[in-house]
Amino acid sequence: MALDNVDRRLLARFEASAAHERARRDLLPPEWLNAEPEIQPGDRLGDLFEDVLTRARERVQAERDALARRRSGDDLDFAG
């Protein structure tokens, strides 16, 4: 008996599923099948990341400016 690492019990179900999927795709218009999506999911994540990064930088800068204004109003010397 030869060793085989393929479980053939599910092969018939897989083939039926693939045939069903092909039949579903055949119902779609060809221009839908060949069309490129306008926005890739990764592009949306990149835009979101850039927006979060920009807002974080603006918030850090605002906090630094507020701290500088508070320090300039104080007569304390923090350097020593």
PDB file of N, CA and C in Angstrom:
ATOM      1  N   MET A   1       0.836  -1.173   0.000  1.00  0.00           N
ATOM      2  CA  MET A   1       0.000   0.000   0.000  1.00  0.00           C
ATOM      3  C   MET A   1       0.885   1.241   0.000  1.00  0.00           C
ATOM      4  N   ALA A   2       0.707   2.085  -0.995  1.00  0.00           N
ATOM      5  CA  ALA A   2       1.523   3.283  -1.130  1.00  0.00           C
ATOM      6  C   ALA A   2       0.977   4.398  -0.237  1.00  0.00           C
ATOM      7  N   LEU A   3       1.880   5.212   0.251  1.00  0.00           N
ATOM      8  CA  LEU A   3       1.473   6.350   1.067  1.00  0.00           C
ATOM      9  C   LEU A   3       0.998   7.477   0.151  1.00  0.00           C
ATOM     10  N   ASP A   4      -0.117   8.066   0.518  1.00  0.00           N
ATOM     11  CA  ASP A   4      -0.681   9.159  -0.278  1.00  0.00           C
ATOM     12  C   ASP A   4      -1.119  10.247   0.702  1.00  0.00           C
ATOM     13  N   ASN A   5      -0.670  11.461   0.476  1.00  0.00           N
ATOM     14  CA  ASN A   5      -1.015  12.530   1.402  1.00  0.00           C
ATOM     15  C   ASN A   5      -2.253  13.314   0.954  1.00  0.00           C
ATOM     16  N   VAL A   6      -2.989  12.808  -0.030  1.00  0.00           N
ATOM     17  CA  VAL A   6      -4.197  13.476  -0.511  1.00  0.00           C
ATOM     18  C   VAL A   6      -5.412  12.720   0.015  1.00  0.00           C
ATOM     19  N   ASP A   7      -6.288  13.448   0.685  1.00  0.00           N
ATOM     20  CA  ASP A   7      -7.530  12.847   1.172  1.00  0.00           C
ATOM     21  C   ASP A   7      -8.560  12.965   0.054  1.00  0.00           C
ATOM     22  N   ARG A   8      -8.866  11.883  -0.579  1.00  0.00           N
ATOM     23  CA  ARG A   8      -9.728  11.891  -1.754  1.00  0.00           C
ATOM     24  C   ARG A   8     -11.221  11.848  -1.400  1.00  0.00           C
ATOM     25  N   ARG A   9     -11.545  11.805  -0.113  1.00  0.00           N
ATOM     26  CA  ARG A   9     -12.953  11.763   0.273  1.00  0.00           C
ATOM     27  C   ARG A   9     -13.671  13.064  -0.062  1.00  0.00           C
ATOM     28  N   LEU A  10     -12.946  14.157  -0.077  1.00  0.00           N
ATOM     29  CA  LEU A  10     -13.572  15.444  -0.357  1.00  0.00           C
ATOM     30  C   LEU A  10     -13.411  15.883  -1.807  1.00  0.00           C
ATOM     31  N   LEU A  11     -12.762  15.090  -2.628  1.00  0.00           N
ATOM     32  CA  LEU A  11     -12.491  15.468  -4.012  1.00  0.00           C
ATOM     33  C   LEU A  11     -13.771  15.725  -4.800  1.00  0.00           C
ATOM     34  N   ALA A  12     -14.766  14.885  -4.654  1.00  0.00           N
ATOM     35  CA  ALA A  12     -16.023  15.059  -5.394  1.00  0.00           C
ATOM     36  C   ALA A  12     -16.705  16.367  -5.008  1.00  0.00           C
ATOM     37  N   ARG A  13     -16.696  16.703  -3.723  1.00  0.00           N
ATOM     38  CA  ARG A  13     -17.302  17.967  -3.276  1.00  0.00           C
ATOM     39  C   ARG A  13     -16.528  19.164  -3.824  1.00  0.00           C
ATOM     40  N   PHE A  14     -15.206  19.063  -3.829  1.00  0.00           N
ATOM     41  CA  PHE A  14     -14.397  20.154  -4.350  1.00  0.00           C
ATOM     42  C   PHE A  14     -14.670  20.355  -5.838  1.00  0.00           C
ATOM     43  N   GLU A  15     -14.707  19.288  -6.599  1.00  0.00           N
ATOM     44  CA  GLU A  15     -14.968  19.407  -8.034  1.00  0.00           C
ATOM     45  C   GLU A  15     -16.350  19.995  -8.297  1.00  0.00           C
ATOM     46  N   ALA A  16     -17.357  19.582  -7.523  1.00  0.00           N
ATOM     47  CA  ALA A  16     -18.703  20.134  -7.671  1.00  0.00           C
ATOM     48  C   ALA A  16     -18.715  21.616  -7.319  1.00  0.00           C
ATOM     49  N   SER A  17     -17.985  21.998  -6.294  1.00  0.00           N
ATOM     50  CA  SER A  17     -17.908  23.398  -5.896  1.00  0.00           C
ATOM     51  C   SER A  17     -17.243  24.234  -6.989  1.00  0.00           C
ATOM     52  N   ALA A  18     -16.174  23.718  -7.561  1.00  0.00           N
ATOM     53  CA  ALA A  18     -15.489  24.442  -8.633  1.00  0.00           C
ATOM     54  C   ALA A  18     -16.394  24.585  -9.849  1.00  0.00           C
ATOM     55  N   ALA A  19     -17.136  23.537 -10.189  1.00  0.00           N
ATOM     56  CA  ALA A  19     -18.065  23.611 -11.323  1.00  0.00           C
ATOM     57  C   ALA A  19     -19.167  24.625 -11.047  1.00  0.00           C
ATOM     58  N   HIS A  20     -19.662  24.637  -9.822  1.00  0.00           N
ATOM     59  CA  HIS A  20     -20.701  25.607  -9.440  1.00  0.00           C
ATOM     60  C   HIS A  20     -20.171  27.044  -9.554  1.00  0.00           C
ATOM     61  N   GLU A  21     -18.963  27.276  -9.105  1.00  0.00           N
ATOM     62  CA  GLU A  21     -18.369  28.612  -9.185  1.00  0.00           C
ATOM     63  C   GLU A  21     -18.177  29.035 -10.643  1.00  0.00           C
ATOM     64  N   ARG A  22     -17.714  28.116 -11.497  1.00  0.00           N
ATOM     65  CA  ARG A  22     -17.574  28.439 -12.924  1.00  0.00           C
ATOM     66  C   ARG A  22     -18.921  28.803 -13.534  1.00  0.00           C
ATOM     67  N   ALA A  23     -19.965  28.075 -13.179  1.00  0.00           N
ATOM     68  CA  ALA A  23     -21.305  28.363 -13.697  1.00  0.00           C
ATOM     69  C   ALA A  23     -21.782  29.737 -13.242  1.00  0.00           C
ATOM     70  N   ARG A  24     -21.496  30.081 -12.008  1.00  0.00           N
ATOM     71  CA  ARG A  24     -21.884  31.412 -11.504  1.00  0.00           C
ATOM     72  C   ARG A  24     -21.140  32.509 -12.251  1.00  0.00           C
ATOM     73  N   ARG A  25     -19.848  32.303 -12.499  1.00  0.00           N
ATOM     74  CA  ARG A  25     -19.064  33.315 -13.213  1.00  0.00           C
ATOM     75  C   ARG A  25     -19.511  33.456 -14.659  1.00  0.00           C
ATOM     76  N   ASP A  26     -19.985  32.372 -15.260  1.00  0.00           N
ATOM     77  CA  ASP A  26     -20.451  32.435 -16.648  1.00  0.00           C
ATOM     78  C   ASP A  26     -21.691  33.298 -16.789  1.00  0.00           C
ATOM     79  N   LEU A  27     -22.438  33.498 -15.708  1.00  0.00           N
ATOM     80  CA  LEU A  27     -23.627  34.334 -15.748  1.00  0.00           C
ATOM     81  C   LEU A  27     -23.294  35.831 -15.743  1.00  0.00           C
ATOM     82  N   LEU A  28     -22.097  36.179 -15.309  1.00  0.00           N
ATOM     83  CA  LEU A  28     -21.715  37.589 -15.213  1.00  0.00           C
ATOM     84  C   LEU A  28     -21.311  38.134 -16.582  1.00  0.00           C
ATOM     85  N   PRO A  29     -21.563  39.422 -16.807  1.00  0.00           N
ATOM     86  CA  PRO A  29     -21.113  40.033 -18.065  1.00  0.00           C
ATOM     87  C   PRO A  29     -19.580  40.036 -18.132  1.00  0.00           C
ATOM     88  N   PRO A  30     -19.014  39.846 -19.338  1.00  0.00           N
ATOM     89  CA  PRO A  30     -17.548  39.792 -19.464  1.00  0.00           C
ATOM     90  C   PRO A  30     -16.851  41.060 -18.970  1.00  0.00           C
ATOM     91  N   GLU A  31     -17.490  42.229 -19.147  1.00  0.00           N
ATOM     92  CA  GLU A  31     -16.827  43.464 -18.691  1.00  0.00           C
ATOM     93  C   GLU A  31     -16.692  43.506 -17.178  1.00  0.00           C
ATOM     94  N   TRP A  32     -17.552  42.822 -16.468  1.00  0.00           N
ATOM     95  CA  TRP A  32     -17.415  42.750 -15.013  1.00  0.00           C
ATOM     96  C   TRP A  32     -16.252  41.861 -14.631  1.00  0.00           C
ATOM     97  N   LEU A  33     -16.092  40.772 -15.352  1.00  0.00           N
ATOM     98  CA  LEU A  33     -15.024  39.830 -15.024  1.00  0.00           C
ATOM     99  C   LEU A  33     -13.647  40.402 -15.317  1.00  0.00           C
ATOM    100  N   ASN A  34     -13.545  41.225 -16.356  1.00  0.00           N
ATOM    101  CA  ASN A  34     -12.243  41.752 -16.774  1.00  0.00           C
ATOM    102  C   ASN A  34     -11.948  43.130 -16.207  1.00  0.00           C
ATOM    103  N   ALA A  35     -12.905  43.717 -15.499  1.00  0.00           N
ATOM    104  CA  ALA A  35     -12.729  45.078 -14.989  1.00  0.00           C
ATOM    105  C   ALA A  35     -11.769  45.081 -13.801  1.00  0.00           C
ATOM    106  N   GLU A  36     -10.943  46.100 -13.772  1.00  0.00           N
ATOM    107  CA  GLU A  36     -10.062  46.318 -12.629  1.00  0.00           C
ATOM    108  C   GLU A  36     -10.823  47.122 -11.583  1.00  0.00           C
ATOM    109  N   PRO A  37     -10.746  46.761 -10.339  1.00  0.00           N
ATOM    110  CA  PRO A  37     -11.402  47.574  -9.311  1.00  0.00           C
ATOM    111  C   PRO A  37     -10.757  48.959  -9.253  1.00  0.00           C
ATOM    112  N   GLU A  38     -11.587  49.963  -9.048  1.00  0.00           N
ATOM    113  CA  GLU A  38     -11.075  51.338  -9.033  1.00  0.00           C
ATOM    114  C   GLU A  38     -10.194  51.597  -7.820  1.00  0.00           C
ATOM    115  N   ILE A  39     -10.598  51.104  -6.685  1.00  0.00           N
ATOM    116  CA  ILE A  39      -9.832  51.315  -5.454  1.00  0.00           C
ATOM    117  C   ILE A  39      -9.491  49.958  -4.867  1.00  0.00           C
ATOM    118  N   GLN A  40      -8.227  49.720  -4.697  1.00  0.00           N
ATOM    119  CA  GLN A  40      -7.779  48.476  -4.074  1.00  0.00           C
ATOM    120  C   GLN A  40      -7.965  48.591  -2.563  1.00  0.00           C
ATOM    121  N   PRO A  41      -8.300  47.498  -1.894  1.00  0.00           N
ATOM    122  CA  PRO A  41      -8.459  47.570  -0.430  1.00  0.00           C
ATOM    123  C   PRO A  41      -7.208  48.098   0.276  1.00  0.00           C
ATOM    124  N   GLY A  42      -6.046  47.757  -0.227  1.00  0.00           N
ATOM    125  CA  GLY A  42      -4.811  48.241   0.384  1.00  0.00           C
ATOM    126  C   GLY A  42      -4.641  49.738   0.257  1.00  0.00           C
ATOM    127  N   ASP A  43      -5.188  50.330  -0.823  1.00  0.00           N
ATOM    128  CA  ASP A  43      -5.105  51.778  -0.991  1.00  0.00           C
ATOM    129  C   ASP A  43      -5.882  52.490   0.103  1.00  0.00           C
ATOM    130  N   ARG A  44      -7.027  51.962   0.454  1.00  0.00           N
ATOM    131  CA  ARG A  44      -7.824  52.584   1.519  1.00  0.00           C
ATOM    132  C   ARG A  44      -7.079  52.534   2.849  1.00  0.00           C
ATOM    133  N   LEU A  45      -6.419  51.424   3.111  1.00  0.00           N
ATOM    134  CA  LEU A  45      -5.654  51.328   4.352  1.00  0.00           C
ATOM    135  C   LEU A  45      -4.495  52.302   4.352  1.00  0.00           C
ATOM    136  N   GLY A  46      -3.850  52.470   3.189  1.00  0.00           N
ATOM    137  CA  GLY A  46      -2.750  53.423   3.084  1.00  0.00           C
ATOM    138  C   GLY A  46      -3.222  54.842   3.324  1.00  0.00           C
ATOM    139  N   ASP A  47      -4.389  55.191   2.758  1.00  0.00           N
ATOM    140  CA  ASP A  47      -4.949  56.526   2.978  1.00  0.00           C
ATOM    141  C   ASP A  47      -5.300  56.737   4.441  1.00  0.00           C
ATOM    142  N   LEU A  48      -5.874  55.725   5.056  1.00  0.00           N
ATOM    143  CA  LEU A  48      -6.232  55.824   6.463  1.00  0.00           C
ATOM    144  C   LEU A  48      -4.983  55.996   7.321  1.00  0.00           C
ATOM    145  N   PHE A  49      -3.937  55.234   7.016  1.00  0.00           N
ATOM    146  CA  PHE A  49      -2.689  55.345   7.772  1.00  0.00           C
ATOM    147  C   PHE A  49      -2.098  56.745   7.625  1.00  0.00           C
ATOM    148  N   GLU A  50      -2.085  57.274   6.401  1.00  0.00           N
ATOM    149  CA  GLU A  50      -1.545  58.619   6.184  1.00  0.00           C
ATOM    150  C   GLU A  50      -2.345  59.655   6.959  1.00  0.00           C
ATOM    151  N   ASP A  51      -3.671  59.508   6.988  1.00  0.00           N
ATOM    152  CA  ASP A  51      -4.515  60.450   7.717  1.00  0.00           C
ATOM    153  C   ASP A  51      -4.229  60.395   9.216  1.00  0.00           C
ATOM    154  N   VAL A  52      -4.117  59.192   9.758  1.00  0.00           N
ATOM    155  CA  VAL A  52      -3.825  59.034  11.188  1.00  0.00           C
ATOM    156  C   VAL A  52      -2.450  59.608  11.511  1.00  0.00           C
ATOM    157  N   LEU A  53      -1.484  59.344  10.648  1.00  0.00           N
ATOM    158  CA  LEU A  53      -0.138  59.853  10.867  1.00  0.00           C
ATOM    159  C   LEU A  53      -0.105  61.380  10.835  1.00  0.00           C
ATOM    160  N   THR A  54      -0.810  61.981   9.890  1.00  0.00           N
ATOM    161  CA  THR A  54      -0.864  63.442   9.792  1.00  0.00           C
ATOM    162  C   THR A  54      -1.512  64.046  11.028  1.00  0.00           C
ATOM    163  N   ARG A  55      -2.641  63.461  11.463  1.00  0.00           N
ATOM    164  CA  ARG A  55      -3.311  63.988  12.651  1.00  0.00           C
ATOM    165  C   ARG A  55      -2.449  63.818  13.895  1.00  0.00           C
ATOM    166  N   ALA A  56      -1.713  62.724  13.993  1.00  0.00           N
ATOM    167  CA  ALA A  56      -0.836  62.514  15.148  1.00  0.00           C
ATOM    168  C   ALA A  56       0.282  63.549  15.169  1.00  0.00           C
ATOM    169  N   ARG A  57       0.862  63.813  14.009  1.00  0.00           N
ATOM    170  CA  ARG A  57       1.926  64.835  13.941  1.00  0.00           C
ATOM    171  C   ARG A  57       1.392  66.208  14.322  1.00  0.00           C
ATOM    172  N   GLU A  58       0.184  66.530  13.839  1.00  0.00           N
ATOM    173  CA  GLU A  58      -0.407  67.828  14.177  1.00  0.00           C
ATOM    174  C   GLU A  58      -0.680  67.931  15.684  1.00  0.00           C
ATOM    175  N   ARG A  59      -1.130  66.839  16.280  1.00  0.00           N
ATOM    176  CA  ARG A  59      -1.418  66.862  17.718  1.00  0.00           C
ATOM    177  C   ARG A  59      -0.135  67.011  18.530  1.00  0.00           C
ATOM    178  N   VAL A  60       0.917  66.308  18.137  1.00  0.00           N
ATOM    179  CA  VAL A  60       2.196  66.434  18.835  1.00  0.00           C
ATOM    180  C   VAL A  60       2.714  67.860  18.719  1.00  0.00           C
ATOM    181  N   GLN A  61       2.614  68.437  17.526  1.00  0.00           N
ATOM    182  CA  GLN A  61       3.081  69.814  17.339  1.00  0.00           C
ATOM    183  C   GLN A  61       2.267  70.784  18.183  1.00  0.00           C
ATOM    184  N   ALA A  62       0.945  70.579  18.257  1.00  0.00           N
ATOM    185  CA  ALA A  62       0.096  71.451  19.075  1.00  0.00           C
ATOM    186  C   ALA A  62       0.473  71.332  20.557  1.00  0.00           C
ATOM    187  N   GLU A  63       0.748  70.108  21.015  1.00  0.00           N
ATOM    188  CA  GLU A  63       1.163  69.919  22.407  1.00  0.00           C
ATOM    189  C   GLU A  63       2.507  70.589  22.676  1.00  0.00           C
ATOM    190  N   ARG A  64       3.433  70.488  21.743  1.00  0.00           N
ATOM    191  CA  ARG A  64       4.740  71.147  21.911  1.00  0.00           C
ATOM    192  C   ARG A  64       4.587  72.663  21.946  1.00  0.00           C
ATOM    193  N   ASP A  65       3.731  73.194  21.068  1.00  0.00           N
ATOM    194  CA  ASP A  65       3.501  74.641  21.055  1.00  0.00           C
ATOM    195  C   ASP A  65       2.875  75.110  22.364  1.00  0.00           C
ATOM    196  N   ALA A  66       1.901  74.346  22.868  1.00  0.00           N
ATOM    197  CA  ALA A  66       1.256  74.715  24.134  1.00  0.00           C
ATOM    198  C   ALA A  66       2.252  74.665  25.274  1.00  0.00           C
ATOM    199  N   LEU A  67       3.117  73.661  25.294  1.00  0.00           N
ATOM    200  CA  LEU A  67       4.140  73.565  26.330  1.00  0.00           C
ATOM    201  C   LEU A  67       5.118  74.723  26.229  1.00  0.00           C
ATOM    202  N   ALA A  68       5.510  75.090  25.022  1.00  0.00           N
ATOM    203  CA  ALA A  68       6.435  76.212  24.845  1.00  0.00           C
ATOM    204  C   ALA A  68       5.797  77.519  25.319  1.00  0.00           C
ATOM    205  N   ARG A  69       4.485  77.696  25.061  1.00  0.00           N
ATOM    206  CA  ARG A  69       3.801  78.908  25.524  1.00  0.00           C
ATOM    207  C   ARG A  69       3.736  78.952  27.047  1.00  0.00           C
ATOM    208  N   ARG A  70       3.480  77.789  27.664  1.00  0.00           N
ATOM    209  CA  ARG A  70       3.436  77.752  29.134  1.00  0.00           C
ATOM    210  C   ARG A  70       4.806  78.046  29.721  1.00  0.00           C
ATOM    211  N   ARG A  71       5.839  77.482  29.119  1.00  0.00           N
ATOM    212  CA  ARG A  71       7.186  77.708  29.643  1.00  0.00           C
ATOM    213  C   ARG A  71       7.615  79.160  29.461  1.00  0.00           C
ATOM    214  N   SER A  72       7.244  79.774  28.364  1.00  0.00           N
ATOM    215  CA  SER A  72       7.660  81.158  28.135  1.00  0.00           C
ATOM    216  C   SER A  72       6.954  82.100  29.107  1.00  0.00           C
ATOM    217  N   GLY A  73       5.809  81.689  29.631  1.00  0.00           N
ATOM    218  CA  GLY A  73       5.098  82.506  30.612  1.00  0.00           C
ATOM    219  C   GLY A  73       5.640  82.340  32.015  1.00  0.00           C
ATOM    220  N   ASP A  74       6.424  81.302  32.256  1.00  0.00           N
ATOM    221  CA  ASP A  74       6.982  81.048  33.591  1.00  0.00           C
ATOM    222  C   ASP A  74       8.339  81.747  33.725  1.00  0.00           C
ATOM    223  N   ASP A  75       8.686  82.088  34.960  1.00  0.00           N
ATOM    224  CA  ASP A  75      10.003  82.669  35.225  1.00  0.00           C
ATOM    225  C   ASP A  75      10.985  81.605  35.715  1.00  0.00           C
ATOM    226  N   LEU A  76      10.567  80.348  35.696  1.00  0.00           N
ATOM    227  CA  LEU A  76      11.420  79.280  36.190  1.00  0.00           C
ATOM    228  C   LEU A  76      12.422  78.881  35.125  1.00  0.00           C
ATOM    229  N   ASP A  77      13.616  78.537  35.583  1.00  0.00           N
ATOM    230  CA  ASP A  77      14.656  78.079  34.665  1.00  0.00           C
ATOM    231  C   ASP A  77      14.718  76.563  34.787  1.00  0.00           C
ATOM    232  N   PHE A  78      14.250  75.840  33.767  1.00  0.00           N
ATOM    233  CA  PHE A  78      14.242  74.389  33.829  1.00  0.00           C
ATOM    234  C   PHE A  78      15.597  73.788  33.519  1.00  0.00           C
ATOM    235  N   ALA A  79      16.502  74.550  32.966  1.00  0.00           N
ATOM    236  CA  ALA A  79      17.802  74.026  32.565  1.00  0.00           C
ATOM    237  C   ALA A  79      18.716  73.821  33.774  1.00  0.00           C
ATOM    238  N   GLY A  80      18.445  74.393  34.841  1.00  0.00           N
ATOM    239  CA  GLY A  80      19.365  74.156  35.921  1.00  0.00           C
ATOM    240  C   GLY A  80      19.145  75.075  36.999  1.00  0.00           C
TER     241      GLY A  80
END
